[in-house]
Amino acid sequence: MRRSRGIALMELVCAIGVVAVVASVSVSGVSAYENRSRAARAIGDIGTISVQLYRWQSNSRKFPETLAEAGLSAYVDPWGHPYRYVNVETAKSSDVRRDRHSRPLNSDFDLYSMGPDGDTGARLDEDETRDDIVRANNGQFIGAAEDLLR
């Protein structure tokens, strides 16, 4: 009986195939986890900034016109974009973001991240807005715009 001393080409191809499948599954899992963790960080940041804006309002009896006025311009979302802020009381009607029924999201201030694509729209049901992380119902909801639409 003769013993084979090596790896057959077919065995090598099968092993490489198995490694490729395992690697692709793990990469997609890591990517999904990374997206969820970035969204969670944006939700936390928006909550923190909201609390600081309410503190500003309790001291000055009004909300600031910009995040810079409140000393909050250093906040950047997990995708590298500055958070967006609109004082609803003093904003033009066209600057106030709205839900799919054209109702304003908030009556005090609008605070949001443009999400991974860095693009946004005026209404939550627009395609470029669905991945935004938004504050709605005067802070009762903070999360992905697509979750608010459900």
N, C-alpha and C. Protein backbone atom coordinates (compact mmCIF):
# COMPACT_ATOMS: atom_id res chain seq x y z
N MET A 1 0.83 -1.17 0.00
CA MET A 1 0.00 0.00 0.00
C MET A 1 0.88 1.24 0.00
N ARG A 2 0.60 2.10 -0.93
CA ARG A 2 1.37 3.33 -1.02
C ARG A 2 0.67 4.45 -0.28
N ARG A 3 1.43 5.24 0.46
CA ARG A 3 0.86 6.35 1.22
C ARG A 3 1.07 7.65 0.47
N SER A 4 0.05 8.46 0.43
CA SER A 4 0.16 9.75 -0.21
C SER A 4 0.78 10.74 0.77
N ARG A 5 1.73 11.52 0.28
CA ARG A 5 2.40 12.48 1.15
C ARG A 5 2.12 13.89 0.71
N GLY A 6 1.03 14.36 0.67
CA GLY A 6 0.75 15.73 0.26
C GLY A 6 -0.74 15.99 0.24
N ILE A 7 -1.05 17.18 -0.09
CA ILE A 7 -2.45 17.58 -0.14
C ILE A 7 -2.86 17.64 -1.61
N ALA A 8 -3.94 17.02 -1.87
CA ALA A 8 -4.45 17.04 -3.23
C ALA A 8 -5.01 18.44 -3.54
N LEU A 9 -4.98 18.80 -4.76
CA LEU A 9 -5.45 20.11 -5.17
C LEU A 9 -6.92 20.32 -4.77
N MET A 10 -7.71 19.30 -4.89
CA MET A 10 -9.13 19.41 -4.54
C MET A 10 -9.31 19.67 -3.05
N GLU A 11 -8.52 19.03 -2.22
CA GLU A 11 -8.59 19.28 -0.78
C GLU A 11 -8.25 20.73 -0.46
N LEU A 12 -7.23 21.24 -1.12
CA LEU A 12 -6.81 22.62 -0.90
C LEU A 12 -7.89 23.61 -1.33
N VAL A 13 -8.52 23.37 -2.47
CA VAL A 13 -9.59 24.24 -2.95
C VAL A 13 -10.77 24.22 -1.98
N CYS A 14 -11.12 23.04 -1.47
CA CYS A 14 -12.23 22.94 -0.50
C CYS A 14 -11.91 23.69 0.79
N ALA A 15 -10.70 23.56 1.27
CA ALA A 15 -10.30 24.25 2.50
C ALA A 15 -10.35 25.77 2.31
N ILE A 16 -9.88 26.24 1.18
CA ILE A 16 -9.91 27.68 0.91
C ILE A 16 -11.37 28.16 0.80
N GLY A 17 -12.22 27.36 0.20
CA GLY A 17 -13.63 27.70 0.08
C GLY A 17 -14.30 27.82 1.44
N VAL A 18 -14.02 26.88 2.33
CA VAL A 18 -14.60 26.92 3.67
C VAL A 18 -14.12 28.17 4.41
N VAL A 19 -12.86 28.47 4.33
CA VAL A 19 -12.30 29.66 4.99
C VAL A 19 -12.96 30.93 4.43
N ALA A 20 -13.17 31.00 3.13
CA ALA A 20 -13.80 32.17 2.51
C ALA A 20 -15.23 32.36 2.99
N VAL A 21 -15.99 31.26 3.10
CA VAL A 21 -17.37 31.35 3.57
C VAL A 21 -17.41 31.83 5.02
N VAL A 22 -16.58 31.26 5.87
CA VAL A 22 -16.53 31.67 7.28
C VAL A 22 -16.13 33.14 7.39
N ALA A 23 -15.16 33.57 6.61
CA ALA A 23 -14.71 34.96 6.65
C ALA A 23 -15.80 35.92 6.20
N SER A 24 -16.54 35.57 5.15
CA SER A 24 -17.59 36.48 4.66
C SER A 24 -18.72 36.60 5.67
N VAL A 25 -19.08 35.52 6.33
CA VAL A 25 -20.13 35.57 7.35
C VAL A 25 -19.69 36.41 8.53
N SER A 26 -18.46 36.24 8.96
CA SER A 26 -17.99 37.01 10.11
C SER A 26 -17.83 38.49 9.78
N VAL A 27 -17.41 38.82 8.57
CA VAL A 27 -17.27 40.23 8.18
C VAL A 27 -18.62 40.91 8.14
N SER A 28 -19.65 40.26 7.60
CA SER A 28 -20.98 40.87 7.55
C SER A 28 -21.55 41.03 8.96
N GLY A 29 -21.26 40.09 9.84
CA GLY A 29 -21.70 40.20 11.23
C GLY A 29 -21.03 41.35 11.96
N VAL A 30 -19.74 41.54 11.72
CA VAL A 30 -19.01 42.64 12.34
C VAL A 30 -19.53 43.97 11.81
N SER A 31 -19.80 44.05 10.52
CA SER A 31 -20.30 45.27 9.91
C SER A 31 -21.66 45.65 10.50
N ALA A 32 -22.55 44.69 10.66
CA ALA A 32 -23.86 44.97 11.25
C ALA A 32 -23.70 45.42 12.70
N TYR A 33 -22.81 44.79 13.43
CA TYR A 33 -22.57 45.18 14.82
C TYR A 33 -22.02 46.60 14.89
N GLU A 34 -21.11 46.94 13.98
CA GLU A 34 -20.53 48.28 13.95
C GLU A 34 -21.61 49.33 13.66
N ASN A 35 -22.50 49.06 12.73
CA ASN A 35 -23.59 50.00 12.42
C ASN A 35 -24.51 50.19 13.62
N ARG A 36 -24.84 49.11 14.31
CA ARG A 36 -25.70 49.22 15.50
C ARG A 36 -25.02 50.00 16.61
N SER A 37 -23.72 49.79 16.79
CA SER A 37 -23.01 50.50 17.86
C SER A 37 -22.88 51.99 17.53
N ARG A 38 -22.70 52.33 16.27
CA ARG A 38 -22.64 53.75 15.89
C ARG A 38 -23.99 54.42 16.10
N ALA A 39 -25.06 53.74 15.73
CA ALA A 39 -26.40 54.30 15.94
C ALA A 39 -26.67 54.48 17.43
N ALA A 40 -26.25 53.52 18.25
CA ALA A 40 -26.44 53.63 19.71
C ALA A 40 -25.66 54.81 20.27
N ARG A 41 -24.46 55.04 19.75
CA ARG A 41 -23.67 56.19 20.21
C ARG A 41 -24.35 57.50 19.82
N ALA A 42 -24.89 57.57 18.61
CA ALA A 42 -25.59 58.78 18.17
C ALA A 42 -26.82 59.03 19.03
N ILE A 43 -27.55 57.98 19.37
CA ILE A 43 -28.73 58.11 20.24
C ILE A 43 -28.30 58.66 21.60
N GLY A 44 -27.22 58.14 22.16
CA GLY A 44 -26.72 58.64 23.43
C GLY A 44 -26.27 60.09 23.35
N ASP A 45 -25.56 60.43 22.28
CA ASP A 45 -25.12 61.82 22.10
C ASP A 45 -26.30 62.77 22.02
N ILE A 46 -27.32 62.40 21.26
CA ILE A 46 -28.49 63.27 21.12
C ILE A 46 -29.19 63.45 22.47
N GLY A 47 -29.26 62.38 23.25
CA GLY A 47 -29.83 62.50 24.60
C GLY A 47 -29.01 63.43 25.48
N THR A 48 -27.69 63.31 25.43
CA THR A 48 -26.81 64.17 26.22
C THR A 48 -26.92 65.63 25.80
N ILE A 49 -26.89 65.88 24.50
CA ILE A 49 -27.01 67.25 23.99
C ILE A 49 -28.37 67.83 24.37
N SER A 50 -29.42 67.02 24.30
CA SER A 50 -30.76 67.49 24.67
C SER A 50 -30.81 67.95 26.12
N VAL A 51 -30.23 67.17 27.00
CA VAL A 51 -30.20 67.55 28.42
C VAL A 51 -29.46 68.87 28.59
N GLN A 52 -28.34 69.03 27.91
CA GLN A 52 -27.58 70.27 28.01
C GLN A 52 -28.35 71.46 27.43
N LEU A 53 -29.12 71.23 26.38
CA LEU A 53 -29.95 72.30 25.83
C LEU A 53 -31.06 72.69 26.79
N TYR A 54 -31.64 71.72 27.49
CA TYR A 54 -32.65 72.05 28.49
C TYR A 54 -32.05 72.82 29.66
N ARG A 55 -30.82 72.51 30.04
CA ARG A 55 -30.14 73.29 31.08
C ARG A 55 -29.93 74.72 30.61
N TRP A 56 -29.50 74.88 29.36
CA TRP A 56 -29.32 76.22 28.79
C TRP A 56 -30.64 76.99 28.84
N GLN A 57 -31.72 76.32 28.45
CA GLN A 57 -33.03 76.94 28.42
C GLN A 57 -33.50 77.31 29.82
N SER A 58 -33.20 76.50 30.82
CA SER A 58 -33.64 76.83 32.18
C SER A 58 -32.89 78.05 32.73
N ASN A 59 -31.68 78.28 32.26
CA ASN A 59 -30.91 79.45 32.72
C ASN A 59 -31.25 80.71 31.93
N SER A 60 -31.52 80.59 30.65
CA SER A 60 -31.71 81.78 29.81
C SER A 60 -33.16 81.98 29.37
N ARG A 61 -34.04 81.07 29.72
CA ARG A 61 -35.46 81.13 29.38
C ARG A 61 -35.75 80.98 27.89
N LYS A 62 -34.77 80.54 27.12
CA LYS A 62 -34.97 80.28 25.69
C LYS A 62 -33.91 79.28 25.25
N PHE A 63 -34.17 78.64 24.14
CA PHE A 63 -33.18 77.73 23.57
C PHE A 63 -32.20 78.54 22.72
N PRO A 64 -30.96 78.08 22.62
CA PRO A 64 -29.99 78.81 21.80
C PRO A 64 -30.35 78.73 20.32
N GLU A 65 -29.82 79.64 19.55
CA GLU A 65 -30.05 79.63 18.11
C GLU A 65 -29.19 78.57 17.41
N THR A 66 -28.02 78.28 17.98
CA THR A 66 -27.10 77.30 17.40
C THR A 66 -26.49 76.47 18.52
N LEU A 67 -25.95 75.33 18.17
CA LEU A 67 -25.23 74.52 19.16
C LEU A 67 -23.97 75.25 19.63
N ALA A 68 -23.36 76.03 18.75
CA ALA A 68 -22.16 76.79 19.12
C ALA A 68 -22.48 77.80 20.21
N GLU A 69 -23.62 78.43 20.14
CA GLU A 69 -24.02 79.40 21.16
C GLU A 69 -24.09 78.75 22.55
N ALA A 70 -24.48 77.49 22.58
CA ALA A 70 -24.57 76.75 23.84
C ALA A 70 -23.27 76.04 24.19
N GLY A 71 -22.24 76.21 23.37
CA GLY A 71 -20.97 75.55 23.61
C GLY A 71 -20.97 74.07 23.29
N LEU A 72 -21.84 73.66 22.37
CA LEU A 72 -22.01 72.24 22.05
C LEU A 72 -21.60 71.90 20.62
N SER A 73 -20.88 72.78 19.97
CA SER A 73 -20.53 72.55 18.57
C SER A 73 -19.45 71.49 18.38
N ALA A 74 -18.80 71.08 19.45
CA ALA A 74 -17.73 70.08 19.34
C ALA A 74 -18.27 68.67 19.11
N TYR A 75 -19.55 68.46 19.33
CA TYR A 75 -20.13 67.13 19.13
C TYR A 75 -20.18 66.80 17.65
N VAL A 76 -19.68 65.61 17.32
CA VAL A 76 -19.71 65.10 15.95
C VAL A 76 -20.29 63.69 16.02
N ASP A 77 -21.15 63.37 15.07
CA ASP A 77 -21.77 62.04 15.11
C ASP A 77 -20.75 60.95 14.76
N PRO A 78 -21.09 59.70 14.98
CA PRO A 78 -20.14 58.60 14.74
C PRO A 78 -19.68 58.46 13.30
N TRP A 79 -20.34 59.13 12.38
CA TRP A 79 -19.97 59.07 10.97
C TRP A 79 -19.15 60.29 10.55
N GLY A 80 -18.81 61.14 11.53
CA GLY A 80 -17.95 62.29 11.27
C GLY A 80 -18.65 63.57 10.85
N HIS A 81 -19.98 63.63 10.97
CA HIS A 81 -20.73 64.82 10.60
C HIS A 81 -21.18 65.56 11.86
N PRO A 82 -21.26 66.87 11.82
CA PRO A 82 -21.77 67.59 12.99
C PRO A 82 -23.26 67.30 13.17
N TYR A 83 -23.70 67.29 14.43
CA TYR A 83 -25.13 67.12 14.68
C TYR A 83 -25.86 68.36 14.18
N ARG A 84 -27.09 68.16 13.71
CA ARG A 84 -27.90 69.26 13.20
C ARG A 84 -28.88 69.69 14.28
N TYR A 85 -29.06 70.99 14.41
CA TYR A 85 -29.93 71.56 15.43
C TYR A 85 -30.74 72.69 14.82
N VAL A 86 -32.03 72.73 15.16
CA VAL A 86 -32.91 73.81 14.73
C VAL A 86 -33.77 74.22 15.92
N ASN A 87 -33.74 75.50 16.27
CA ASN A 87 -34.63 76.04 17.30
C ASN A 87 -35.98 76.26 16.61
N VAL A 88 -36.97 75.44 16.94
CA VAL A 88 -38.25 75.45 16.25
C VAL A 88 -38.96 76.79 16.43
N GLU A 89 -38.82 77.40 17.59
CA GLU A 89 -39.51 78.66 17.87
C GLU A 89 -39.10 79.78 16.91
N THR A 90 -37.83 79.84 16.55
CA THR A 90 -37.34 80.93 15.72
C THR A 90 -37.02 80.52 14.28
N ALA A 91 -37.19 79.28 13.95
CA ALA A 91 -36.84 78.78 12.61
C ALA A 91 -37.93 79.11 11.59
N LYS A 92 -37.52 79.18 10.33
CA LYS A 92 -38.49 79.28 9.24
C LYS A 92 -39.24 77.94 9.17
N SER A 93 -40.45 78.00 8.75
CA SER A 93 -41.26 76.79 8.66
C SER A 93 -40.61 75.73 7.79
N SER A 94 -39.92 76.14 6.74
CA SER A 94 -39.29 75.18 5.83
C SER A 94 -38.07 74.48 6.46
N ASP A 95 -37.51 75.05 7.54
CA ASP A 95 -36.35 74.44 8.20
C ASP A 95 -36.74 73.40 9.24
N VAL A 96 -38.01 73.36 9.61
CA VAL A 96 -38.49 72.42 10.62
C VAL A 96 -38.79 71.10 9.95
N ARG A 97 -38.19 70.03 10.48
CA ARG A 97 -38.41 68.70 9.89
C ARG A 97 -39.76 68.15 10.29
N ARG A 98 -40.32 67.35 9.39
CA ARG A 98 -41.69 66.87 9.57
C ARG A 98 -41.79 65.36 9.39
N ASP A 99 -42.85 64.80 9.97
CA ASP A 99 -43.10 63.37 9.81
C ASP A 99 -43.81 63.14 8.48
N ARG A 100 -44.24 61.92 8.23
CA ARG A 100 -44.86 61.60 6.94
C ARG A 100 -46.23 62.25 6.77
N HIS A 101 -46.81 62.78 7.86
CA HIS A 101 -48.10 63.46 7.79
C HIS A 101 -47.91 64.98 7.76
N SER A 102 -46.67 65.42 7.55
CA SER A 102 -46.30 66.84 7.48
C SER A 102 -46.46 67.58 8.80
N ARG A 103 -46.46 66.84 9.91
CA ARG A 103 -46.49 67.47 11.23
C ARG A 103 -45.05 67.64 11.71
N PRO A 104 -44.73 68.77 12.38
CA PRO A 104 -43.38 68.95 12.92
C PRO A 104 -43.03 67.84 13.90
N LEU A 105 -41.76 67.41 13.89
CA LEU A 105 -41.32 66.35 14.79
C LEU A 105 -41.31 66.80 16.24
N ASN A 106 -40.98 68.06 16.46
CA ASN A 106 -40.85 68.60 17.81
C ASN A 106 -41.45 70.00 17.85
N SER A 107 -41.80 70.46 19.05
CA SER A 107 -42.28 71.83 19.20
C SER A 107 -41.25 72.72 19.90
N ASP A 108 -40.16 72.12 20.40
CA ASP A 108 -39.14 72.91 21.08
C ASP A 108 -37.88 73.08 20.22
N PHE A 109 -37.22 71.98 19.91
CA PHE A 109 -36.05 72.02 19.01
C PHE A 109 -35.90 70.70 18.31
N ASP A 110 -35.27 70.75 17.16
CA ASP A 110 -34.99 69.56 16.38
C ASP A 110 -33.50 69.29 16.47
N LEU A 111 -33.13 68.07 16.79
CA LEU A 111 -31.73 67.67 16.92
C LEU A 111 -31.60 66.30 16.29
N TYR A 112 -30.63 66.16 15.37
CA TYR A 112 -30.51 64.89 14.66
C TYR A 112 -29.14 64.70 14.06
N SER A 113 -28.85 63.44 13.73
CA SER A 113 -27.67 63.05 12.97
C SER A 113 -28.14 62.66 11.58
N MET A 114 -27.36 63.00 10.58
CA MET A 114 -27.74 62.65 9.20
C MET A 114 -27.46 61.19 8.88
N GLY A 115 -26.95 60.43 9.83
CA GLY A 115 -26.74 59.01 9.63
C GLY A 115 -25.55 58.68 8.76
N PRO A 116 -25.39 57.42 8.41
CA PRO A 116 -24.21 56.96 7.68
C PRO A 116 -24.01 57.61 6.32
N ASP A 117 -25.10 57.96 5.63
CA ASP A 117 -24.94 58.51 4.29
C ASP A 117 -24.65 60.02 4.29
N GLY A 118 -24.80 60.68 5.43
CA GLY A 118 -24.51 62.11 5.51
C GLY A 118 -25.48 62.97 4.73
N ASP A 119 -26.64 62.42 4.41
CA ASP A 119 -27.64 63.13 3.62
C ASP A 119 -28.95 63.12 4.39
N THR A 120 -29.78 64.13 4.20
CA THR A 120 -31.04 64.20 4.90
C THR A 120 -32.07 64.95 4.07
N GLY A 121 -33.29 64.92 4.52
CA GLY A 121 -34.37 65.64 3.85
C GLY A 121 -35.24 66.31 4.88
N ALA A 122 -36.28 66.99 4.43
CA ALA A 122 -37.17 67.73 5.32
C ALA A 122 -38.23 66.83 5.96
N ARG A 123 -38.54 65.71 5.31
CA ARG A 123 -39.55 64.77 5.84
C ARG A 123 -38.92 63.41 6.08
N LEU A 124 -39.39 62.73 7.11
CA LEU A 124 -38.81 61.44 7.48
C LEU A 124 -39.07 60.34 6.47
N ASP A 125 -40.10 60.48 5.66
CA ASP A 125 -40.39 59.41 4.70
C ASP A 125 -39.62 59.55 3.40
N GLU A 126 -38.72 60.51 3.30
CA GLU A 126 -37.85 60.62 2.13
C GLU A 126 -36.72 59.60 2.27
N ASP A 127 -36.29 59.04 1.14
CA ASP A 127 -35.29 57.97 1.15
C ASP A 127 -34.00 58.37 1.86
N GLU A 128 -33.50 59.58 1.62
CA GLU A 128 -32.23 59.99 2.21
C GLU A 128 -32.34 60.26 3.71
N THR A 129 -33.55 60.30 4.24
CA THR A 129 -33.77 60.62 5.65
C THR A 129 -33.97 59.38 6.51
N ARG A 130 -34.29 58.26 5.92
CA ARG A 130 -34.64 57.05 6.69
C ARG A 130 -33.52 56.57 7.61
N ASP A 131 -32.25 56.82 7.25
CA ASP A 131 -31.16 56.34 8.10
C ASP A 131 -30.72 57.39 9.13
N ASP A 132 -31.39 58.55 9.18
CA ASP A 132 -31.05 59.58 10.16
C ASP A 132 -31.40 59.09 11.57
N ILE A 133 -30.65 59.57 12.54
CA ILE A 133 -30.97 59.32 13.95
C ILE A 133 -31.62 60.61 14.44
N VAL A 134 -32.88 60.53 14.84
CA VAL A 134 -33.67 61.73 15.11
C VAL A 134 -34.18 61.76 16.55
N ARG A 135 -34.50 62.96 16.97
CA ARG A 135 -35.20 63.23 18.22
C ARG A 135 -36.60 63.67 17.82
N ALA A 136 -37.64 63.05 18.37
CA ALA A 136 -39.01 63.40 17.99
C ALA A 136 -39.89 63.45 19.24
N ASN A 137 -41.06 64.03 19.08
CA ASN A 137 -42.04 64.14 20.17
C ASN A 137 -41.43 64.79 21.41
N ASN A 138 -40.66 65.86 21.16
CA ASN A 138 -40.00 66.61 22.23
C ASN A 138 -39.14 65.73 23.13
N GLY A 139 -38.46 64.79 22.51
CA GLY A 139 -37.52 63.95 23.24
C GLY A 139 -38.07 62.63 23.72
N GLN A 140 -39.35 62.36 23.49
CA GLN A 140 -39.91 61.08 23.91
C GLN A 140 -39.41 59.94 23.04
N PHE A 141 -38.94 60.27 21.84
CA PHE A 141 -38.35 59.27 20.95
C PHE A 141 -37.00 59.77 20.48
N ILE A 142 -35.98 58.93 20.60
CA ILE A 142 -34.69 59.18 19.99
C ILE A 142 -34.27 57.86 19.35
N GLY A 143 -34.09 57.87 18.04
CA GLY A 143 -33.73 56.65 17.35
C GLY A 143 -33.72 56.85 15.84
N ALA A 144 -33.67 55.75 15.12
CA ALA A 144 -33.63 55.80 13.66
C ALA A 144 -34.97 56.28 13.12
N ALA A 145 -34.92 57.15 12.10
CA ALA A 145 -36.13 57.68 11.50
C ALA A 145 -37.04 56.56 10.99
N GLU A 146 -36.43 55.51 10.42
CA GLU A 146 -37.24 54.40 9.90
C GLU A 146 -38.01 53.70 11.02
N ASP A 147 -37.48 53.69 12.25
CA ASP A 147 -38.20 53.09 13.38
C ASP A 147 -39.38 53.95 13.80
N LEU A 148 -39.24 55.26 13.68
CA LEU A 148 -40.34 56.16 14.01
C LEU A 148 -41.48 56.04 12.99
N LEU A 149 -41.14 55.70 11.77
CA LEU A 149 -42.15 55.57 10.71
C LEU A 149 -42.99 54.31 10.86
N ARG A 150 -42.50 53.33 11.56
CA ARG A 150 -43.24 52.06 11.69
C ARG A 150 -44.47 52.19 12.52
